[in-house]
Amino acid sequence: MSQSLQSYLLISSILLATGVFGLLFRRNLVALLISLELILNSASINFMAFNKFTMPDKSTGQVFVIFIIALAAAEVCIGLSLILLLYRKKNSINIEEAKDLQG
């Protein structure tokens, strides 16, 4: 497989479509977190691909990717703690059960 911008964009768009599909049609909170991670990985691939093929300074895209990785790690920590709390309260990690915690 040749390394071209189009091949990276194709992989990134497949990851993005899979992540959006998971966000829209899954009811499990862990599956929603995984789908969100797929979307963030898609953005990271885009940054690195455009950095490789268009930017003269090779560190610009890497800085954005490191920022995305840090953001994803923080998101997973907070998300998993909320999922654990929901499981302790409702004994389920279904998104429908989380709606009962409002108010």
PDB file of N, CA and C in Angstrom:
ATOM      1  N   MET A   1       0.848  -1.178   0.000  1.00  0.00           N
ATOM      2  CA  MET A   1       0.000   0.000   0.000  1.00  0.00           C
ATOM      3  C   MET A   1       0.892   1.239   0.000  1.00  0.00           C
ATOM      4  N   SER A   2       0.662   2.102  -0.933  1.00  0.00           N
ATOM      5  CA  SER A   2       1.499   3.295  -1.021  1.00  0.00           C
ATOM      6  C   SER A   2       1.118   4.291   0.060  1.00  0.00           C
ATOM      7  N   GLN A   3       2.104   5.004   0.523  1.00  0.00           N
ATOM      8  CA  GLN A   3       1.852   5.999   1.552  1.00  0.00           C
ATOM      9  C   GLN A   3       1.549   7.333   0.886  1.00  0.00           C
ATOM     10  N   SER A   4       0.286   7.621   0.786  1.00  0.00           N
ATOM     11  CA  SER A   4      -0.144   8.898   0.239  1.00  0.00           C
ATOM     12  C   SER A   4      -1.137   9.526   1.204  1.00  0.00           C
ATOM     13  N   LEU A   5      -1.411  10.783   0.994  1.00  0.00           N
ATOM     14  CA  LEU A   5      -2.344  11.492   1.870  1.00  0.00           C
ATOM     15  C   LEU A   5      -3.726  10.861   1.798  1.00  0.00           C
ATOM     16  N   GLN A   6      -4.107  10.386   0.629  1.00  0.00           N
ATOM     17  CA  GLN A   6      -5.431   9.796   0.469  1.00  0.00           C
ATOM     18  C   GLN A   6      -5.587   8.518   1.291  1.00  0.00           C
ATOM     19  N   SER A   7      -4.546   7.723   1.387  1.00  0.00           N
ATOM     20  CA  SER A   7      -4.664   6.492   2.171  1.00  0.00           C
ATOM     21  C   SER A   7      -4.821   6.804   3.661  1.00  0.00           C
ATOM     22  N   TYR A   8      -4.103   7.801   4.144  1.00  0.00           N
ATOM     23  CA  TYR A   8      -4.266   8.194   5.540  1.00  0.00           C
ATOM     24  C   TYR A   8      -5.662   8.767   5.790  1.00  0.00           C
ATOM     25  N   LEU A   9      -6.143   9.565   4.848  1.00  0.00           N
ATOM     26  CA  LEU A   9      -7.478  10.142   5.009  1.00  0.00           C
ATOM     27  C   LEU A   9      -8.562   9.080   4.929  1.00  0.00           C
ATOM     28  N   LEU A  10      -8.347   8.046   4.139  1.00  0.00           N
ATOM     29  CA  LEU A  10      -9.310   6.952   4.067  1.00  0.00           C
ATOM     30  C   LEU A  10      -9.389   6.208   5.394  1.00  0.00           C
ATOM     31  N   ILE A  11      -8.251   5.896   5.967  1.00  0.00           N
ATOM     32  CA  ILE A  11      -8.231   5.224   7.279  1.00  0.00           C
ATOM     33  C   ILE A  11      -8.874   6.107   8.343  1.00  0.00           C
ATOM     34  N   SER A  12      -8.565   7.386   8.298  1.00  0.00           N
ATOM     35  CA  SER A  12      -9.123   8.310   9.273  1.00  0.00           C
ATOM     36  C   SER A  12     -10.638   8.435   9.127  1.00  0.00           C
ATOM     37  N   SER A  13     -11.119   8.468   7.892  1.00  0.00           N
ATOM     38  CA  SER A  13     -12.565   8.587   7.698  1.00  0.00           C
ATOM     39  C   SER A  13     -13.296   7.316   8.115  1.00  0.00           C
ATOM     40  N   ILE A  14     -12.659   6.158   7.934  1.00  0.00           N
ATOM     41  CA  ILE A  14     -13.268   4.907   8.404  1.00  0.00           C
ATOM     42  C   ILE A  14     -13.363   4.910   9.936  1.00  0.00           C
ATOM     43  N   LEU A  15     -12.295   5.355  10.603  1.00  0.00           N
ATOM     44  CA  LEU A  15     -12.335   5.450  12.070  1.00  0.00           C
ATOM     45  C   LEU A  15     -13.398   6.446  12.532  1.00  0.00           C
ATOM     46  N   LEU A  16     -13.497   7.580  11.841  1.00  0.00           N
ATOM     47  CA  LEU A  16     -14.491   8.588  12.204  1.00  0.00           C
ATOM     48  C   LEU A  16     -15.907   8.050  12.027  1.00  0.00           C
ATOM     49  N   ALA A  17     -16.167   7.388  10.912  1.00  0.00           N
ATOM     50  CA  ALA A  17     -17.501   6.839  10.675  1.00  0.00           C
ATOM     51  C   ALA A  17     -17.853   5.769  11.701  1.00  0.00           C
ATOM     52  N   THR A  18     -16.879   4.925  12.052  1.00  0.00           N
ATOM     53  CA  THR A  18     -17.123   3.902  13.066  1.00  0.00           C
ATOM     54  C   THR A  18     -17.417   4.535  14.424  1.00  0.00           C
ATOM     55  N   GLY A  19     -16.664   5.577  14.776  1.00  0.00           N
ATOM     56  CA  GLY A  19     -16.886   6.257  16.048  1.00  0.00           C
ATOM     57  C   GLY A  19     -18.230   6.962  16.112  1.00  0.00           C
ATOM     58  N   VAL A  20     -18.611   7.624  15.040  1.00  0.00           N
ATOM     59  CA  VAL A  20     -19.916   8.311  15.024  1.00  0.00           C
ATOM     60  C   VAL A  20     -21.047   7.294  15.073  1.00  0.00           C
ATOM     61  N   PHE A  21     -20.894   6.178  14.338  1.00  0.00           N
ATOM     62  CA  PHE A  21     -21.899   5.118  14.405  1.00  0.00           C
ATOM     63  C   PHE A  21     -22.045   4.593  15.832  1.00  0.00           C
ATOM     64  N   GLY A  22     -20.921   4.396  16.502  1.00  0.00           N
ATOM     65  CA  GLY A  22     -20.966   3.910  17.883  1.00  0.00           C
ATOM     66  C   GLY A  22     -21.608   4.905  18.830  1.00  0.00           C
ATOM     67  N   LEU A  23     -21.343   6.189  18.633  1.00  0.00           N
ATOM     68  CA  LEU A  23     -21.961   7.208  19.488  1.00  0.00           C
ATOM     69  C   LEU A  23     -23.467   7.295  19.279  1.00  0.00           C
ATOM     70  N   LEU A  24     -23.908   7.097  18.056  1.00  0.00           N
ATOM     71  CA  LEU A  24     -25.335   7.252  17.765  1.00  0.00           C
ATOM     72  C   LEU A  24     -26.169   6.029  18.122  1.00  0.00           C
ATOM     73  N   PHE A  25     -25.606   4.839  17.986  1.00  0.00           N
ATOM     74  CA  PHE A  25     -26.432   3.642  18.087  1.00  0.00           C
ATOM     75  C   PHE A  25     -26.121   2.737  19.274  1.00  0.00           C
ATOM     76  N   ARG A  26     -25.147   3.038  20.079  1.00  0.00           N
ATOM     77  CA  ARG A  26     -24.841   2.202  21.235  1.00  0.00           C
ATOM     78  C   ARG A  26     -25.487   2.790  22.481  1.00  0.00           C
ATOM     79  N   ARG A  27     -25.875   1.939  23.399  1.00  0.00           N
ATOM     80  CA  ARG A  27     -26.462   2.376  24.665  1.00  0.00           C
ATOM     81  C   ARG A  27     -25.572   2.059  25.854  1.00  0.00           C
ATOM     82  N   ASN A  28     -24.497   1.348  25.628  1.00  0.00           N
ATOM     83  CA  ASN A  28     -23.562   0.991  26.681  1.00  0.00           C
ATOM     84  C   ASN A  28     -22.562   2.139  26.854  1.00  0.00           C
ATOM     85  N   LEU A  29     -22.345   2.582  28.059  1.00  0.00           N
ATOM     86  CA  LEU A  29     -21.475   3.731  28.293  1.00  0.00           C
ATOM     87  C   LEU A  29     -20.010   3.432  27.967  1.00  0.00           C
ATOM     88  N   VAL A  30     -19.572   2.205  28.182  1.00  0.00           N
ATOM     89  CA  VAL A  30     -18.195   1.859  27.826  1.00  0.00           C
ATOM     90  C   VAL A  30     -18.032   1.887  26.306  1.00  0.00           C
ATOM     91  N   ALA A  31     -19.026   1.423  25.574  1.00  0.00           N
ATOM     92  CA  ALA A  31     -18.983   1.482  24.110  1.00  0.00           C
ATOM     93  C   ALA A  31     -18.968   2.930  23.633  1.00  0.00           C
ATOM     94  N   LEU A  32     -19.663   3.809  24.333  1.00  0.00           N
ATOM     95  CA  LEU A  32     -19.641   5.230  23.971  1.00  0.00           C
ATOM     96  C   LEU A  32     -18.253   5.829  24.184  1.00  0.00           C
ATOM     97  N   LEU A  33     -17.577   5.442  25.257  1.00  0.00           N
ATOM     98  CA  LEU A  33     -16.213   5.915  25.487  1.00  0.00           C
ATOM     99  C   LEU A  33     -15.255   5.413  24.408  1.00  0.00           C
ATOM    100  N   ILE A  34     -15.403   4.166  24.018  1.00  0.00           N
ATOM    101  CA  ILE A  34     -14.556   3.615  22.967  1.00  0.00           C
ATOM    102  C   ILE A  34     -14.818   4.330  21.648  1.00  0.00           C
ATOM    103  N   SER A  35     -16.072   4.631  21.361  1.00  0.00           N
ATOM    104  CA  SER A  35     -16.404   5.357  20.135  1.00  0.00           C
ATOM    105  C   SER A  35     -15.804   6.753  20.138  1.00  0.00           C
ATOM    106  N   LEU A  36     -15.826   7.394  21.268  1.00  0.00           N
ATOM    107  CA  LEU A  36     -15.218   8.717  21.373  1.00  0.00           C
ATOM    108  C   LEU A  36     -13.702   8.635  21.178  1.00  0.00           C
ATOM    109  N   GLU A  37     -13.084   7.579  21.683  1.00  0.00           N
ATOM    110  CA  GLU A  37     -11.652   7.371  21.467  1.00  0.00           C
ATOM    111  C   GLU A  37     -11.341   7.163  19.987  1.00  0.00           C
ATOM    112  N   LEU A  38     -12.206   6.456  19.275  1.00  0.00           N
ATOM    113  CA  LEU A  38     -12.005   6.271  17.839  1.00  0.00           C
ATOM    114  C   LEU A  38     -12.052   7.599  17.095  1.00  0.00           C
ATOM    115  N   ILE A  39     -12.959   8.476  17.498  1.00  0.00           N
ATOM    116  CA  ILE A  39     -13.048   9.784  16.865  1.00  0.00           C
ATOM    117  C   ILE A  39     -11.798  10.608  17.145  1.00  0.00           C
ATOM    118  N   LEU A  40     -11.305  10.562  18.373  1.00  0.00           N
ATOM    119  CA  LEU A  40     -10.082  11.297  18.698  1.00  0.00           C
ATOM    120  C   LEU A  40      -8.869  10.723  17.965  1.00  0.00           C
ATOM    121  N   ASN A  41      -8.810   9.405  17.808  1.00  0.00           N
ATOM    122  CA  ASN A  41      -7.724   8.803  17.040  1.00  0.00           C
ATOM    123  C   ASN A  41      -7.801   9.184  15.568  1.00  0.00           C
ATOM    124  N   SER A  42      -8.998   9.333  15.060  1.00  0.00           N
ATOM    125  CA  SER A  42      -9.167   9.787  13.684  1.00  0.00           C
ATOM    126  C   SER A  42      -8.609  11.196  13.502  1.00  0.00           C
ATOM    127  N   ALA A  43      -8.880  12.058  14.454  1.00  0.00           N
ATOM    128  CA  ALA A  43      -8.325  13.412  14.391  1.00  0.00           C
ATOM    129  C   ALA A  43      -6.801  13.394  14.490  1.00  0.00           C
ATOM    130  N   SER A  44      -6.273  12.514  15.310  1.00  0.00           N
ATOM    131  CA  SER A  44      -4.812  12.402  15.440  1.00  0.00           C
ATOM    132  C   SER A  44      -4.169  11.952  14.139  1.00  0.00           C
ATOM    133  N   ILE A  45      -4.799  10.989  13.477  1.00  0.00           N
ATOM    134  CA  ILE A  45      -4.264  10.537  12.190  1.00  0.00           C
ATOM    135  C   ILE A  45      -4.301  11.665  11.170  1.00  0.00           C
ATOM    136  N   ASN A  46      -5.362  12.446  11.176  1.00  0.00           N
ATOM    137  CA  ASN A  46      -5.437  13.592  10.263  1.00  0.00           C
ATOM    138  C   ASN A  46      -4.323  14.593  10.532  1.00  0.00           C
ATOM    139  N   PHE A  47      -4.103  14.917  11.791  1.00  0.00           N
ATOM    140  CA  PHE A  47      -3.032  15.858  12.123  1.00  0.00           C
ATOM    141  C   PHE A  47      -1.675  15.352  11.655  1.00  0.00           C
ATOM    142  N   MET A  48      -1.398  14.086  11.909  1.00  0.00           N
ATOM    143  CA  MET A  48      -0.103  13.544  11.520  1.00  0.00           C
ATOM    144  C   MET A  48       0.036  13.424  10.004  1.00  0.00           C
ATOM    145  N   ALA A  49      -1.038  13.090   9.307  1.00  0.00           N
ATOM    146  CA  ALA A  49      -0.966  12.972   7.848  1.00  0.00           C
ATOM    147  C   ALA A  49      -0.737  14.331   7.201  1.00  0.00           C
ATOM    148  N   PHE A  50      -1.497  15.322   7.624  1.00  0.00           N
ATOM    149  CA  PHE A  50      -1.296  16.654   7.045  1.00  0.00           C
ATOM    150  C   PHE A  50       0.052  17.234   7.453  1.00  0.00           C
ATOM    151  N   ASN A  51       0.510  16.879   8.637  1.00  0.00           N
ATOM    152  CA  ASN A  51       1.836  17.315   9.067  1.00  0.00           C
ATOM    153  C   ASN A  51       2.917  16.695   8.178  1.00  0.00           C
ATOM    154  N   LYS A  52       2.760  15.430   7.844  1.00  0.00           N
ATOM    155  CA  LYS A  52       3.768  14.738   7.042  1.00  0.00           C
ATOM    156  C   LYS A  52       3.822  15.273   5.610  1.00  0.00           C
ATOM    157  N   PHE A  53       2.675  15.564   5.032  1.00  0.00           N
ATOM    158  CA  PHE A  53       2.640  15.898   3.615  1.00  0.00           C
ATOM    159  C   PHE A  53       2.606  17.392   3.312  1.00  0.00           C
ATOM    160  N   THR A  54       2.297  18.253   4.283  1.00  0.00           N
ATOM    161  CA  THR A  54       2.150  19.670   3.943  1.00  0.00           C
ATOM    162  C   THR A  54       2.995  20.622   4.770  1.00  0.00           C
ATOM    163  N   MET A  55       3.391  20.265   5.955  1.00  0.00           N
ATOM    164  CA  MET A  55       4.074  21.212   6.836  1.00  0.00           C
ATOM    165  C   MET A  55       5.588  21.053   6.744  1.00  0.00           C
ATOM    166  N   PRO A  56       6.309  22.171   6.698  1.00  0.00           N
ATOM    167  CA  PRO A  56       7.773  22.059   6.707  1.00  0.00           C
ATOM    168  C   PRO A  56       8.318  21.694   8.090  1.00  0.00           C
ATOM    169  N   ASP A  57       7.645  22.160   9.149  1.00  0.00           N
ATOM    170  CA  ASP A  57       8.062  21.847  10.517  1.00  0.00           C
ATOM    171  C   ASP A  57       7.343  20.581  10.962  1.00  0.00           C
ATOM    172  N   LYS A  58       8.071  19.521  11.210  1.00  0.00           N
ATOM    173  CA  LYS A  58       7.475  18.217  11.509  1.00  0.00           C
ATOM    174  C   LYS A  58       6.976  18.086  12.942  1.00  0.00           C
ATOM    175  N   SER A  59       7.237  19.060  13.791  1.00  0.00           N
ATOM    176  CA  SER A  59       6.813  18.919  15.186  1.00  0.00           C
ATOM    177  C   SER A  59       5.433  19.517  15.453  1.00  0.00           C
ATOM    178  N   THR A  60       4.876  20.258  14.517  1.00  0.00           N
ATOM    179  CA  THR A  60       3.596  20.920  14.752  1.00  0.00           C
ATOM    180  C   THR A  60       2.474  19.906  14.949  1.00  0.00           C
ATOM    181  N   GLY A  61       2.348  18.959  14.055  1.00  0.00           N
ATOM    182  CA  GLY A  61       1.302  17.946  14.180  1.00  0.00           C
ATOM    183  C   GLY A  61       1.505  17.055  15.384  1.00  0.00           C
ATOM    184  N   GLN A  62       2.750  16.792  15.726  1.00  0.00           N
ATOM    185  CA  GLN A  62       3.032  15.942  16.876  1.00  0.00           C
ATOM    186  C   GLN A  62       2.587  16.595  18.177  1.00  0.00           C
ATOM    187  N   VAL A  63       2.722  17.906  18.261  1.00  0.00           N
ATOM    188  CA  VAL A  63       2.275  18.620  19.458  1.00  0.00           C
ATOM    189  C   VAL A  63       0.757  18.501  19.605  1.00  0.00           C
ATOM    190  N   PHE A  64       0.038  18.645  18.496  1.00  0.00           N
ATOM    191  CA  PHE A  64      -1.413  18.497  18.556  1.00  0.00           C
ATOM    192  C   PHE A  64      -1.817  17.078  18.942  1.00  0.00           C
ATOM    193  N   VAL A  65      -1.111  16.088  18.430  1.00  0.00           N
ATOM    194  CA  VAL A  65      -1.428  14.699  18.749  1.00  0.00           C
ATOM    195  C   VAL A  65      -1.164  14.414  20.225  1.00  0.00           C
ATOM    196  N   ILE A  66      -0.087  14.924  20.766  1.00  0.00           N
ATOM    197  CA  ILE A  66       0.191  14.736  22.194  1.00  0.00           C
ATOM    198  C   ILE A  66      -0.889  15.398  23.038  1.00  0.00           C
ATOM    199  N   PHE A  67      -1.363  16.565  22.615  1.00  0.00           N
ATOM    200  CA  PHE A  67      -2.455  17.233  23.321  1.00  0.00           C
ATOM    201  C   PHE A  67      -3.732  16.390  23.256  1.00  0.00           C
ATOM    202  N   ILE A  68      -4.017  15.787  22.106  1.00  0.00           N
ATOM    203  CA  ILE A  68      -5.202  14.938  21.967  1.00  0.00           C
ATOM    204  C   ILE A  68      -5.077  13.699  22.850  1.00  0.00           C
ATOM    205  N   ILE A  69      -3.895  13.119  22.928  1.00  0.00           N
ATOM    206  CA  ILE A  69      -3.685  11.943  23.777  1.00  0.00           C
ATOM    207  C   ILE A  69      -3.913  12.297  25.253  1.00  0.00           C
ATOM    208  N   ALA A  70      -3.415  13.451  25.671  1.00  0.00           N
ATOM    209  CA  ALA A  70      -3.629  13.884  27.055  1.00  0.00           C
ATOM    210  C   ALA A  70      -5.104  14.149  27.329  1.00  0.00           C
ATOM    211  N   LEU A  71      -5.776  14.760  26.376  1.00  0.00           N
ATOM    212  CA  LEU A  71      -7.208  15.012  26.525  1.00  0.00           C
ATOM    213  C   LEU A  71      -7.988  13.705  26.587  1.00  0.00           C
ATOM    214  N   ALA A  72      -7.615  12.735  25.775  1.00  0.00           N
ATOM    215  CA  ALA A  72      -8.294  11.437  25.778  1.00  0.00           C
ATOM    216  C   ALA A  72      -8.065  10.698  27.095  1.00  0.00           C
ATOM    217  N   ALA A  73      -6.864  10.791  27.640  1.00  0.00           N
ATOM    218  CA  ALA A  73      -6.589  10.133  28.919  1.00  0.00           C
ATOM    219  C   ALA A  73      -7.432  10.741  30.041  1.00  0.00           C
ATOM    220  N   ALA A  74      -7.536  12.061  30.053  1.00  0.00           N
ATOM    221  CA  ALA A  74      -8.366  12.718  31.074  1.00  0.00           C
ATOM    222  C   ALA A  74      -9.833  12.362  30.889  1.00  0.00           C
ATOM    223  N   GLU A  75     -10.273  12.298  29.648  1.00  0.00           N
ATOM    224  CA  GLU A  75     -11.665  11.954  29.361  1.00  0.00           C
ATOM    225  C   GLU A  75     -11.980  10.534  29.811  1.00  0.00           C
ATOM    226  N   VAL A  76     -11.069   9.612  29.590  1.00  0.00           N
ATOM    227  CA  VAL A  76     -11.298   8.228  30.000  1.00  0.00           C
ATOM    228  C   VAL A  76     -11.327   8.107  31.520  1.00  0.00           C
ATOM    229  N   CYS A  77     -10.446   8.815  32.204  1.00  0.00           N
ATOM    230  CA  CYS A  77     -10.438   8.760  33.681  1.00  0.00           C
ATOM    231  C   CYS A  77     -11.749   9.263  34.262  1.00  0.00           C
ATOM    232  N   ILE A  78     -12.210  10.388  33.784  1.00  0.00           N
ATOM    233  CA  ILE A  78     -13.466  10.947  34.293  1.00  0.00           C
ATOM    234  C   ILE A  78     -14.649  10.086  33.876  1.00  0.00           C
ATOM    235  N   GLY A  79     -14.645   9.646  32.611  1.00  0.00           N
ATOM    236  CA  GLY A  79     -15.748   8.821  32.127  1.00  0.00           C
ATOM    237  C   GLY A  79     -15.862   7.499  32.851  1.00  0.00           C
ATOM    238  N   LEU A  80     -14.746   6.831  33.064  1.00  0.00           N
ATOM    239  CA  LEU A  80     -14.801   5.548  33.765  1.00  0.00           C
ATOM    240  C   LEU A  80     -15.203   5.708  35.231  1.00  0.00           C
ATOM    241  N   SER A  81     -14.802   6.805  35.855  1.00  0.00           N
ATOM    242  CA  SER A  81     -15.238   7.021  37.242  1.00  0.00           C
ATOM    243  C   SER A  81     -16.747   7.270  37.305  1.00  0.00           C
ATOM    244  N   LEU A  82     -17.276   7.980  36.322  1.00  0.00           N
ATOM    245  CA  LEU A  82     -18.733   8.187  36.301  1.00  0.00           C
ATOM    246  C   LEU A  82     -19.478   6.887  35.989  1.00  0.00           C
ATOM    247  N   ILE A  83     -18.914   6.072  35.123  1.00  0.00           N
ATOM    248  CA  ILE A  83     -19.534   4.778  34.814  1.00  0.00           C
ATOM    249  C   ILE A  83     -19.515   3.874  36.043  1.00  0.00           C
ATOM    250  N   LEU A  84     -18.423   3.888  36.779  1.00  0.00           N
ATOM    251  CA  LEU A  84     -18.333   3.090  38.000  1.00  0.00           C
ATOM    252  C   LEU A  84     -19.352   3.559  39.042  1.00  0.00           C
ATOM    253  N   LEU A  85     -19.511   4.855  39.164  1.00  0.00           N
ATOM    254  CA  LEU A  85     -20.518   5.397  40.085  1.00  0.00           C
ATOM    255  C   LEU A  85     -21.924   4.992  39.661  1.00  0.00           C
ATOM    256  N   LEU A  86     -22.206   5.066  38.356  1.00  0.00           N
ATOM    257  CA  LEU A  86     -23.520   4.655  37.859  1.00  0.00           C
ATOM    258  C   LEU A  86     -23.755   3.168  38.112  1.00  0.00           C
ATOM    259  N   TYR A  87     -22.729   2.353  37.927  1.00  0.00           N
ATOM    260  CA  TYR A  87     -22.888   0.924  38.153  1.00  0.00           C
ATOM    261  C   TYR A  87     -23.155   0.626  39.632  1.00  0.00           C
ATOM    262  N   ARG A  88     -22.505   1.383  40.513  1.00  0.00           N
ATOM    263  CA  ARG A  88     -22.745   1.168  41.948  1.00  0.00           C
ATOM    264  C   ARG A  88     -24.159   1.576  42.345  1.00  0.00           C
ATOM    265  N   LYS A  89     -24.686   2.630  41.720  1.00  0.00           N
ATOM    266  CA  LYS A  89     -26.025   3.111  42.077  1.00  0.00           C
ATOM    267  C   LYS A  89     -27.134   2.289  41.430  1.00  0.00           C
ATOM    268  N   LYS A  90     -26.977   1.964  40.148  1.00  0.00           N
ATOM    269  CA  LYS A  90     -28.069   1.345  39.394  1.00  0.00           C
ATOM    270  C   LYS A  90     -27.814  -0.103  38.991  1.00  0.00           C
ATOM    271  N   ASN A  91     -26.599  -0.612  39.193  1.00  0.00           N
ATOM    272  CA  ASN A  91     -26.217  -1.972  38.825  1.00  0.00           C
ATOM    273  C   ASN A  91     -26.355  -2.212  37.318  1.00  0.00           C
ATOM    274  N   SER A  92     -26.125  -1.167  36.538  1.00  0.00           N
ATOM    275  CA  SER A  92     -26.176  -1.246  35.082  1.00  0.00           C
ATOM    276  C   SER A  92     -25.341  -0.107  34.511  1.00  0.00           C
ATOM    277  N   ILE A  93     -24.801  -0.309  33.299  1.00  0.00           N
ATOM    278  CA  ILE A  93     -24.064   0.771  32.637  1.00  0.00           C
ATOM    279  C   ILE A  93     -24.783   1.200  31.359  1.00  0.00           C
ATOM    280  N   ASN A  94     -26.067   0.976  31.302  1.00  0.00           N
ATOM    281  CA  ASN A  94     -26.878   1.387  30.175  1.00  0.00           C
ATOM    282  C   ASN A  94     -27.132   2.889  30.261  1.00  0.00           C
ATOM    283  N   ILE A  95     -27.130   3.561  29.124  1.00  0.00           N
ATOM    284  CA  ILE A  95     -27.326   5.011  29.093  1.00  0.00           C
ATOM    285  C   ILE A  95     -28.729   5.399  29.560  1.00  0.00           C
ATOM    286  N   GLU A  96     -29.689   4.499  29.393  1.00  0.00           N
ATOM    287  CA  GLU A  96     -31.056   4.783  29.844  1.00  0.00           C
ATOM    288  C   GLU A  96     -31.116   4.908  31.364  1.00  0.00           C
ATOM    289  N   GLU A  97     -30.291   4.156  32.072  1.00  0.00           N
ATOM    290  CA  GLU A  97     -30.250   4.226  33.530  1.00  0.00           C
ATOM    291  C   GLU A  97     -29.638   5.541  34.015  1.00  0.00           C
ATOM    292  N   ALA A  98     -28.749   6.117  33.228  1.00  0.00           N
ATOM    293  CA  ALA A  98     -28.105   7.364  33.630  1.00  0.00           C
ATOM    294  C   ALA A  98     -29.083   8.526  33.606  1.00  0.00           C
ATOM    295  N   LYS A  99     -30.126   8.436  32.811  1.00  0.00           N
ATOM    296  CA  LYS A  99     -31.118   9.510  32.745  1.00  0.00           C
ATOM    297  C   LYS A  99     -31.899   9.636  34.052  1.00  0.00           C
ATOM    298  N   ASP A 100     -31.957   8.549  34.805  1.00  0.00           N
ATOM    299  CA  ASP A 100     -32.678   8.576  36.081  1.00  0.00           C
ATOM    300  C   ASP A 100     -31.927   9.339  37.159  1.00  0.00           C
ATOM    301  N   LEU A 101     -30.650   9.634  36.956  1.00  0.00           N
ATOM    302  CA  LEU A 101     -29.847  10.322  37.963  1.00  0.00           C
ATOM    303  C   LEU A 101     -29.979  11.838  37.892  1.00  0.00           C
ATOM    304  N   GLN A 102     -30.723  12.356  36.937  1.00  0.00           N
ATOM    305  CA  GLN A 102     -30.876  13.805  36.820  1.00  0.00           C
ATOM    306  C   GLN A 102     -31.650  14.344  38.012  1.00  0.00           C
ATOM    307  N   GLY A 103     -31.216  15.550  38.452  1.00  0.00           N
ATOM    308  CA  GLY A 103     -31.924  16.227  39.523  1.00  0.00           C
ATOM    309  C   GLY A 103     -31.569  15.703  40.801  1.00  0.00           C
TER     310      GLY A 103
END
